[in-house]
PDB file of N, CA and C in Angstrom:
ATOM      1  N   MET A   1     -21.019 -13.022  13.828  1.00  0.00           N
ATOM      2  CA  MET A   1     -21.201 -11.991  12.958  1.00  0.00           C
ATOM      3  C   MET A   1     -20.617 -10.411  12.638  1.00  0.00           C
ATOM      4  N   ALA A   2     -20.870 -10.271  14.125  1.00  0.00           N
ATOM      5  CA  ALA A   2     -20.340  -9.017  14.207  1.00  0.00           C
ATOM      6  C   ALA A   2     -19.027  -8.493  14.131  1.00  0.00           C
ATOM      7  N   VAL A   3     -18.255  -9.824  14.760  1.00  0.00           N
ATOM      8  CA  VAL A   3     -16.633 -10.009  14.799  1.00  0.00           C
ATOM      9  C   VAL A   3     -16.106  -9.985  13.161  1.00  0.00           C
ATOM     10  N   HIS A   4     -16.860 -10.775  12.393  1.00  0.00           N
ATOM     11  CA  HIS A   4     -16.268 -10.797  11.053  1.00  0.00           C
ATOM     12  C   HIS A   4     -16.587  -9.869  10.425  1.00  0.00           C
ATOM     13  N   LEU A   5     -17.608  -8.774  10.378  1.00  0.00           N
ATOM     14  CA  LEU A   5     -18.078  -7.569   9.906  1.00  0.00           C
ATOM     15  C   LEU A   5     -16.749  -6.188  10.389  1.00  0.00           C
ATOM     16  N   GLY A   6     -16.646  -6.674  11.220  1.00  0.00           N
ATOM     17  CA  GLY A   6     -15.393  -5.802  12.129  1.00  0.00           C
ATOM     18  C   GLY A   6     -14.144  -5.860  11.042  1.00  0.00           C
ATOM     19  N   PHE A   7     -13.813  -7.223  11.358  1.00  0.00           N
ATOM     20  CA  PHE A   7     -12.209  -7.945  10.724  1.00  0.00           C
ATOM     21  C   PHE A   7     -12.836  -7.263   9.192  1.00  0.00           C
ATOM     22  N   ALA A   8     -13.920  -7.081   8.406  1.00  0.00           N
ATOM     23  CA  ALA A   8     -14.114  -6.500   7.054  1.00  0.00           C
ATOM     24  C   ALA A   8     -14.065  -5.879   7.050  1.00  0.00           C
ATOM     25  N   LEU A   9     -14.286  -4.597   7.846  1.00  0.00           N
ATOM     26  CA  LEU A   9     -14.431  -3.450   7.803  1.00  0.00           C
ATOM     27  C   LEU A   9     -12.987  -2.381   8.304  1.00  0.00           C
ATOM     28  N   LEU A  10     -11.970  -3.589   8.875  1.00  0.00           N
ATOM     29  CA  LEU A  10     -10.937  -3.103   9.106  1.00  0.00           C
ATOM     30  C   LEU A  10      -9.975  -3.709   8.209  1.00  0.00           C
ATOM     31  N   ALA A  11     -10.248  -4.343   7.488  1.00  0.00           N
ATOM     32  CA  ALA A  11      -9.254  -4.678   6.102  1.00  0.00           C
ATOM     33  C   ALA A  11      -9.336  -3.617   5.089  1.00  0.00           C
ATOM     34  N   LEU A  12     -10.951  -2.945   5.119  1.00  0.00           N
ATOM     35  CA  LEU A  12     -10.956  -2.524   3.953  1.00  0.00           C
ATOM     36  C   LEU A  12     -10.120  -1.008   3.661  1.00  0.00           C
ATOM     37  N   VAL A  13     -10.662  -0.790   5.524  1.00  0.00           N
ATOM     38  CA  VAL A  13      -9.265   0.545   5.837  1.00  0.00           C
ATOM     39  C   VAL A  13      -8.437   0.885   5.737  1.00  0.00           C
ATOM     40  N   SER A  14      -7.539  -0.583   5.983  1.00  0.00           N
ATOM     41  CA  SER A  14      -6.289  -0.774   5.884  1.00  0.00           C
ATOM     42  C   SER A  14      -5.669  -0.575   4.301  1.00  0.00           C
ATOM     43  N   MET A  15      -6.577  -1.533   3.683  1.00  0.00           N
ATOM     44  CA  MET A  15      -6.095  -1.504   2.444  1.00  0.00           C
ATOM     45  C   MET A  15      -6.241   0.243   1.327  1.00  0.00           C
ATOM     46  N   SER A  16      -7.265   0.872   1.764  1.00  0.00           N
ATOM     47  CA  SER A  16      -7.794   2.118   1.159  1.00  0.00           C
ATOM     48  C   SER A  16      -6.426   3.278   1.694  1.00  0.00           C
ATOM     49  N   VAL A  17      -6.050   2.755   2.942  1.00  0.00           N
ATOM     50  CA  VAL A  17      -4.763   3.867   3.185  1.00  0.00           C
ATOM     51  C   VAL A  17      -4.025   3.575   2.425  1.00  0.00           C
ATOM     52  N   ALA A  18      -3.674   2.197   1.951  1.00  0.00           N
ATOM     53  CA  ALA A  18      -2.320   1.480   1.334  1.00  0.00           C
ATOM     54  C   ALA A  18      -2.580   2.295   0.429  1.00  0.00           C
ATOM     55  N   PHE A  19      -3.169   2.261  -0.781  1.00  0.00           N
ATOM     56  CA  PHE A  19      -3.107   2.666  -1.636  1.00  0.00           C
ATOM     57  C   PHE A  19      -3.312   4.006  -2.265  1.00  0.00           C
ATOM     58  N   ALA A  20      -3.926   5.054  -0.770  1.00  0.00           N
ATOM     59  CA  ALA A  20      -3.737   6.449  -1.253  1.00  0.00           C
ATOM     60  C   ALA A  20      -2.033   7.217  -1.656  1.00  0.00           C
ATOM     61  N   PRO A  21      -1.494   7.672  -2.446  1.00  0.00           N
ATOM     62  CA  PRO A  21      -0.627   8.299  -2.925  1.00  0.00           C
ATOM     63  C   PRO A  21      -0.439   9.393  -2.097  1.00  0.00           C
ATOM     64  N   ASP A  22       0.950   9.694  -1.823  1.00  0.00           N
ATOM     65  CA  ASP A  22       1.235  10.596  -1.462  1.00  0.00           C
ATOM     66  C   ASP A  22       1.585  11.726  -2.017  1.00  0.00           C
ATOM     67  N   CYS A  23       1.119  13.053  -1.730  1.00  0.00           N
ATOM     68  CA  CYS A  23       1.542  14.338  -2.907  1.00  0.00           C
ATOM     69  C   CYS A  23       2.559  14.598  -3.334  1.00  0.00           C
ATOM     70  N   LYS A  24       3.824  14.395  -2.167  1.00  0.00           N
ATOM     71  CA  LYS A  24       5.115  14.521  -2.900  1.00  0.00           C
ATOM     72  C   LYS A  24       5.682  13.865  -3.495  1.00  0.00           C
ATOM     73  N   ASP A  25       4.566  12.514  -3.809  1.00  0.00           N
ATOM     74  CA  ASP A  25       4.750  11.941  -5.020  1.00  0.00           C
ATOM     75  C   ASP A  25       4.529  11.959  -6.311  1.00  0.00           C
ATOM     76  N   LEU A  26       3.351  12.414  -6.273  1.00  0.00           N
ATOM     77  CA  LEU A  26       2.645  12.616  -7.137  1.00  0.00           C
ATOM     78  C   LEU A  26       3.173  14.352  -8.085  1.00  0.00           C
ATOM     79  N   ILE A  27       4.201  14.424  -7.429  1.00  0.00           N
ATOM     80  CA  ILE A  27       4.664  16.145  -8.069  1.00  0.00           C
ATOM     81  C   ILE A  27       6.102  15.811  -8.137  1.00  0.00           C
ATOM     82  N   LYS A  28       6.515  14.943  -7.912  1.00  0.00           N
ATOM     83  CA  LYS A  28       8.316  14.496  -7.761  1.00  0.00           C
ATOM     84  C   LYS A  28       8.439  14.378  -9.643  1.00  0.00           C
ATOM     85  N   PRO A  29       9.164  15.023  -9.896  1.00  0.00           N
ATOM     86  CA  PRO A  29      10.017  15.046 -11.347  1.00  0.00           C
ATOM     87  C   PRO A  29      10.089  13.795 -11.743  1.00  0.00           C
ATOM     88  N   LEU A  30       9.904  12.797 -13.126  1.00  0.00           N
ATOM     89  CA  LEU A  30      10.446  11.763 -12.943  1.00  0.00           C
ATOM     90  C   LEU A  30      11.340  11.836 -13.912  1.00  0.00           C
ATOM     91  N   VAL A  31      12.630  10.895 -13.440  1.00  0.00           N
ATOM     92  CA  VAL A  31      13.960  10.927 -13.686  1.00  0.00           C
ATOM     93  C   VAL A  31      13.972   9.286 -14.073  1.00  0.00           C
ATOM     94  N   LEU A  32      14.411   9.166 -15.241  1.00  0.00           N
ATOM     95  CA  LEU A  32      14.888   8.002 -15.849  1.00  0.00           C
ATOM     96  C   LEU A  32      16.147   7.556 -16.260  1.00  0.00           C
ATOM     97  N   GLU A  33      16.438   6.549 -16.018  1.00  0.00           N
ATOM     98  CA  GLU A  33      17.952   5.875 -16.597  1.00  0.00           C
ATOM     99  C   GLU A  33      17.588   5.387 -18.121  1.00  0.00           C
ATOM    100  N   ASP A  34      16.315   4.453 -18.000  1.00  0.00           N
ATOM    101  CA  ASP A  34      15.960   3.769 -18.854  1.00  0.00           C
ATOM    102  C   ASP A  34      15.012   4.261 -19.521  1.00  0.00           C
ATOM    103  N   HIS A  35      15.029   5.078 -20.746  1.00  0.00           N
ATOM    104  CA  HIS A  35      13.539   5.461 -21.251  1.00  0.00           C
ATOM    105  C   HIS A  35      12.616   4.851 -22.180  1.00  0.00           C
ATOM    106  N   SER A  36      12.691   3.552 -21.928  1.00  0.00           N
ATOM    107  CA  SER A  36      12.062   2.838 -22.655  1.00  0.00           C
ATOM    108  C   SER A  36      10.681   2.620 -21.845  1.00  0.00           C
ATOM    109  N   GLU A  37      10.718   3.056 -20.748  1.00  0.00           N
ATOM    110  CA  GLU A  37       9.326   3.043 -19.763  1.00  0.00           C
ATOM    111  C   GLU A  37       8.187   3.875 -20.088  1.00  0.00           C
ATOM    112  N   ILE A  38       8.576   5.225 -21.258  1.00  0.00           N
ATOM    113  CA  ILE A  38       7.628   5.701 -21.250  1.00  0.00           C
ATOM    114  C   ILE A  38       7.361   6.000 -22.989  1.00  0.00           C
ATOM    115  N   HIS A  39       8.181   5.030 -24.021  1.00  0.00           N
ATOM    116  CA  HIS A  39       7.632   4.831 -25.076  1.00  0.00           C
ATOM    117  C   HIS A  39       6.462   3.901 -25.038  1.00  0.00           C
ATOM    118  N   GLY A  40       6.117   4.167 -26.283  1.00  0.00           N
ATOM    119  CA  GLY A  40       4.835   3.838 -26.613  1.00  0.00           C
ATOM    120  C   GLY A  40       3.555   4.623 -26.659  1.00  0.00           C
ATOM    121  N   LYS A  41       2.082   4.465 -26.920  1.00  0.00           N
ATOM    122  CA  LYS A  41       1.019   5.273 -27.113  1.00  0.00           C
ATOM    123  C   LYS A  41       0.597   5.579 -25.954  1.00  0.00           C
ATOM    124  N   TRP A  42       0.395   6.946 -25.562  1.00  0.00           N
ATOM    125  CA  TRP A  42      -0.112   7.606 -24.665  1.00  0.00           C
ATOM    126  C   TRP A  42      -1.898   7.750 -24.797  1.00  0.00           C
ATOM    127  N   ILE A  43      -2.660   7.665 -24.364  1.00  0.00           N
ATOM    128  CA  ILE A  43      -3.839   7.977 -24.558  1.00  0.00           C
ATOM    129  C   ILE A  43      -4.442   9.495 -23.527  1.00  0.00           C
ATOM    130  N   TYR A  44      -4.556  10.439 -23.772  1.00  0.00           N
ATOM    131  CA  TYR A  44      -5.043  11.833 -23.302  1.00  0.00           C
ATOM    132  C   TYR A  44      -6.600  11.500 -22.600  1.00  0.00           C
ATOM    133  N   VAL A  45      -6.702  11.368 -21.259  1.00  0.00           N
ATOM    134  CA  VAL A  45      -7.839  11.233 -20.519  1.00  0.00           C
ATOM    135  C   VAL A  45      -8.297  13.005 -20.091  1.00  0.00           C
ATOM    136  N   MET A  46      -7.709  13.142 -19.585  1.00  0.00           N
ATOM    137  CA  MET A  46      -8.352  14.832 -18.595  1.00  0.00           C
ATOM    138  C   MET A  46      -7.233  15.668 -18.397  1.00  0.00           C
ATOM    139  N   GLY A  47      -8.143  17.013 -18.608  1.00  0.00           N
ATOM    140  CA  GLY A  47      -6.540  18.205 -18.307  1.00  0.00           C
ATOM    141  C   GLY A  47      -7.387  19.350 -17.730  1.00  0.00           C
ATOM    142  N   SER A  48      -6.595  20.208 -17.134  1.00  0.00           N
ATOM    143  CA  SER A  48      -7.186  21.462 -16.440  1.00  0.00           C
ATOM    144  C   SER A  48      -5.957  22.830 -17.311  1.00  0.00           C
ATOM    145  N   ALA A  49      -6.579  23.736 -17.024  1.00  0.00           N
ATOM    146  CA  ALA A  49      -5.815  24.908 -17.299  1.00  0.00           C
ATOM    147  C   ALA A  49      -6.739  26.093 -16.742  1.00  0.00           C
ATOM    148  N   ASP A  50      -4.975  27.044 -15.897  1.00  0.00           N
ATOM    149  CA  ASP A  50      -5.784  28.028 -15.789  1.00  0.00           C
ATOM    150  C   ASP A  50      -6.317  29.514 -16.418  1.00  0.00           C
ATOM    151  N   HIS A  51      -5.926  29.393 -18.138  1.00  0.00           N
ATOM    152  CA  HIS A  51      -6.036  30.513 -18.937  1.00  0.00           C
ATOM    153  C   HIS A  51      -7.011  30.394 -19.637  1.00  0.00           C
ATOM    154  N   LEU A  52      -8.055  30.913 -19.674  1.00  0.00           N
ATOM    155  CA  LEU A  52      -8.853  31.032 -20.662  1.00  0.00           C
ATOM    156  C   LEU A  52      -9.057  30.498 -22.118  1.00  0.00           C
ATOM    157  N   PHE A  53      -8.012  30.889 -22.811  1.00  0.00           N
ATOM    158  CA  PHE A  53      -7.438  30.404 -23.764  1.00  0.00           C
ATOM    159  C   PHE A  53      -7.092  28.585 -23.750  1.00  0.00           C
ATOM    160  N   PHE A  54      -6.543  28.400 -22.950  1.00  0.00           N
ATOM    161  CA  PHE A  54      -6.291  26.677 -23.027  1.00  0.00           C
ATOM    162  C   PHE A  54      -7.457  26.362 -22.342  1.00  0.00           C
ATOM    163  N   GLN A  55      -8.247  26.738 -21.568  1.00  0.00           N
ATOM    164  CA  GLN A  55      -9.647  26.163 -21.068  1.00  0.00           C
ATOM    165  C   GLN A  55     -10.499  25.784 -22.160  1.00  0.00           C
ATOM    166  N   ASN A  56     -10.799  27.235 -22.912  1.00  0.00           N
ATOM    167  CA  ASN A  56     -11.605  26.747 -24.447  1.00  0.00           C
ATOM    168  C   ASN A  56     -10.714  25.639 -25.559  1.00  0.00           C
ATOM    169  N   ALA A  57      -9.270  25.301 -25.641  1.00  0.00           N
ATOM    170  CA  ALA A  57      -9.212  24.434 -26.344  1.00  0.00           C
ATOM    171  C   ALA A  57      -9.016  22.842 -25.500  1.00  0.00           C
ATOM    172  N   LEU A  58      -9.197  22.999 -24.844  1.00  0.00           N
ATOM    173  CA  LEU A  58      -9.921  21.936 -23.792  1.00  0.00           C
ATOM    174  C   LEU A  58     -10.986  21.435 -24.103  1.00  0.00           C
ATOM    175  N   LYS A  59     -12.023  22.113 -23.745  1.00  0.00           N
ATOM    176  CA  LYS A  59     -13.366  22.210 -24.593  1.00  0.00           C
ATOM    177  C   LYS A  59     -13.360  21.616 -25.953  1.00  0.00           C
ATOM    178  N   THR A  60     -12.652  21.865 -26.978  1.00  0.00           N
ATOM    179  CA  THR A  60     -13.056  21.414 -28.217  1.00  0.00           C
ATOM    180  C   THR A  60     -12.648  20.088 -28.267  1.00  0.00           C
ATOM    181  N   LEU A  61     -11.446  19.402 -27.546  1.00  0.00           N
ATOM    182  CA  LEU A  61     -10.739  18.622 -27.642  1.00  0.00           C
ATOM    183  C   LEU A  61     -11.852  16.984 -27.467  1.00  0.00           C
ATOM    184  N   GLN A  62     -11.929  16.224 -28.490  1.00  0.00           N
ATOM    185  CA  GLN A  62     -12.850  15.030 -27.953  1.00  0.00           C
ATOM    186  C   GLN A  62     -11.758  13.958 -27.284  1.00  0.00           C
ATOM    187  N   SER A  63     -10.879  13.732 -28.088  1.00  0.00           N
ATOM    188  CA  SER A  63      -9.427  12.806 -27.793  1.00  0.00           C
ATOM    189  C   SER A  63      -8.774  13.454 -28.101  1.00  0.00           C
ATOM    190  N   SER A  64      -7.184  12.643 -27.825  1.00  0.00           N
ATOM    191  CA  SER A  64      -5.964  12.546 -28.293  1.00  0.00           C
ATOM    192  C   SER A  64      -5.495  11.492 -27.756  1.00  0.00           C
ATOM    193  N   TRP A  65      -3.964  11.731 -28.618  1.00  0.00           N
ATOM    194  CA  TRP A  65      -3.228  10.449 -27.840  1.00  0.00           C
ATOM    195  C   TRP A  65      -1.737  10.920 -28.640  1.00  0.00           C
ATOM    196  N   ILE A  66      -0.498  10.564 -28.020  1.00  0.00           N
ATOM    197  CA  ILE A  66       0.645  10.224 -28.387  1.00  0.00           C
ATOM    198  C   ILE A  66       1.402   9.291 -28.210  1.00  0.00           C
ATOM    199  N   ASP A  67       2.195   9.032 -29.401  1.00  0.00           N
ATOM    200  CA  ASP A  67       3.369   8.047 -29.395  1.00  0.00           C
ATOM    201  C   ASP A  67       4.717   8.031 -29.351  1.00  0.00           C
ATOM    202  N   LEU A  68       5.437   7.584 -28.648  1.00  0.00           N
ATOM    203  CA  LEU A  68       6.573   7.877 -28.324  1.00  0.00           C
ATOM    204  C   LEU A  68       7.488   6.716 -29.061  1.00  0.00           C
ATOM    205  N   SER A  69       8.326   6.648 -29.991  1.00  0.00           N
ATOM    206  CA  SER A  69       9.089   5.526 -30.597  1.00  0.00           C
ATOM    207  C   SER A  69      10.435   6.081 -30.309  1.00  0.00           C
ATOM    208  N   PRO A  70      11.788   5.090 -29.760  1.00  0.00           N
ATOM    209  CA  PRO A  70      13.017   5.476 -30.064  1.00  0.00           C
ATOM    210  C   PRO A  70      13.703   5.631 -30.835  1.00  0.00           C
ATOM    211  N   LYS A  71      14.628   6.497 -31.540  1.00  0.00           N
ATOM    212  CA  LYS A  71      15.552   6.719 -32.625  1.00  0.00           C
ATOM    213  C   LYS A  71      16.263   6.174 -32.558  1.00  0.00           C
ATOM    214  N   SER A  72      17.777   6.251 -33.202  1.00  0.00           N
ATOM    215  CA  SER A  72      18.985   5.087 -33.752  1.00  0.00           C
ATOM    216  C   SER A  72      19.381   5.545 -31.449  1.00  0.00           C
ATOM    217  N   GLY A  73      20.000   6.520 -31.383  1.00  0.00           N
ATOM    218  CA  GLY A  73      20.380   6.564 -29.657  1.00  0.00           C
ATOM    219  C   GLY A  73      19.349   6.912 -28.305  1.00  0.00           C
ATOM    220  N   GLN A  74      19.375   6.726 -27.333  1.00  0.00           N
ATOM    221  CA  GLN A  74      18.623   6.757 -26.413  1.00  0.00           C
ATOM    222  C   GLN A  74      18.478   8.481 -25.992  1.00  0.00           C
ATOM    223  N   LYS A  75      19.338   9.274 -26.379  1.00  0.00           N
ATOM    224  CA  LYS A  75      18.655  10.843 -26.338  1.00  0.00           C
ATOM    225  C   LYS A  75      17.398  11.081 -26.784  1.00  0.00           C
ATOM    226  N   THR A  76      17.133  10.733 -27.972  1.00  0.00           N
ATOM    227  CA  THR A  76      16.031  11.329 -28.859  1.00  0.00           C
ATOM    228  C   THR A  76      15.066   9.895 -28.935  1.00  0.00           C
ATOM    229  N   ALA A  77      14.186  10.495 -29.614  1.00  0.00           N
ATOM    230  CA  ALA A  77      12.410  10.055 -29.530  1.00  0.00           C
ATOM    231  C   ALA A  77      11.876  10.512 -31.042  1.00  0.00           C
ATOM    232  N   THR A  78      11.247   9.904 -31.689  1.00  0.00           N
ATOM    233  CA  THR A  78      10.082  10.575 -32.453  1.00  0.00           C
ATOM    234  C   THR A  78       8.534  10.435 -31.793  1.00  0.00           C
ATOM    235  N   LEU A  79       8.306  11.414 -32.009  1.00  0.00           N
ATOM    236  CA  LEU A  79       6.583  11.998 -31.119  1.00  0.00           C
ATOM    237  C   LEU A  79       5.945  11.898 -32.251  1.00  0.00           C
ATOM    238  N   ARG A  80       4.265  11.118 -32.102  1.00  0.00           N
ATOM    239  CA  ARG A  80       3.824  11.431 -33.016  1.00  0.00           C
ATOM    240  C   ARG A  80       2.319  11.419 -32.202  1.00  0.00           C
ATOM    241  N   TRP A  81       1.501  12.524 -32.461  1.00  0.00           N
ATOM    242  CA  TRP A  81       0.166  12.579 -32.345  1.00  0.00           C
ATOM    243  C   TRP A  81      -1.164  12.985 -33.257  1.00  0.00           C
ATOM    244  N   GLY A  82      -2.003  12.635 -32.642  1.00  0.00           N
ATOM    245  CA  GLY A  82      -3.930  12.491 -33.164  1.00  0.00           C
ATOM    246  C   GLY A  82      -4.479  13.216 -32.091  1.00  0.00           C
ATOM    247  N   ASP A  83      -5.376  14.419 -32.412  1.00  0.00           N
ATOM    248  CA  ASP A  83      -6.505  15.142 -32.082  1.00  0.00           C
ATOM    249  C   ASP A  83      -7.442  14.940 -32.734  1.00  0.00           C
ATOM    250  N   ARG A  84      -8.543  14.888 -32.385  1.00  0.00           N
ATOM    251  CA  ARG A  84     -10.283  14.844 -32.798  1.00  0.00           C
ATOM    252  C   ARG A  84     -10.406  15.914 -31.791  1.00  0.00           C
ATOM    253  N   MET A  85     -10.935  17.134 -32.565  1.00  0.00           N
ATOM    254  CA  MET A  85     -11.577  18.050 -32.117  1.00  0.00           C
ATOM    255  C   MET A  85     -13.436  18.198 -32.620  1.00  0.00           C
TER     256      MET A  85
END
């Protein structure tokens, strides 16, 4: 029984290490050849600010979304958004 528990704990530890992102990957700029990866509806989940004006603005925000859709060329897109304050 103890051997099975040991293997289970070892598996869980190795899985948690495998899913931990590297900080360098999180702050790396996004460079896309195909912009279709960012098209669609995006929902605002959480944010932070270091300036008091923006901190107060975030406190009043209840929900927010944006929708990116391509225009005729690859270089332009239409941006629509909605905010609930």
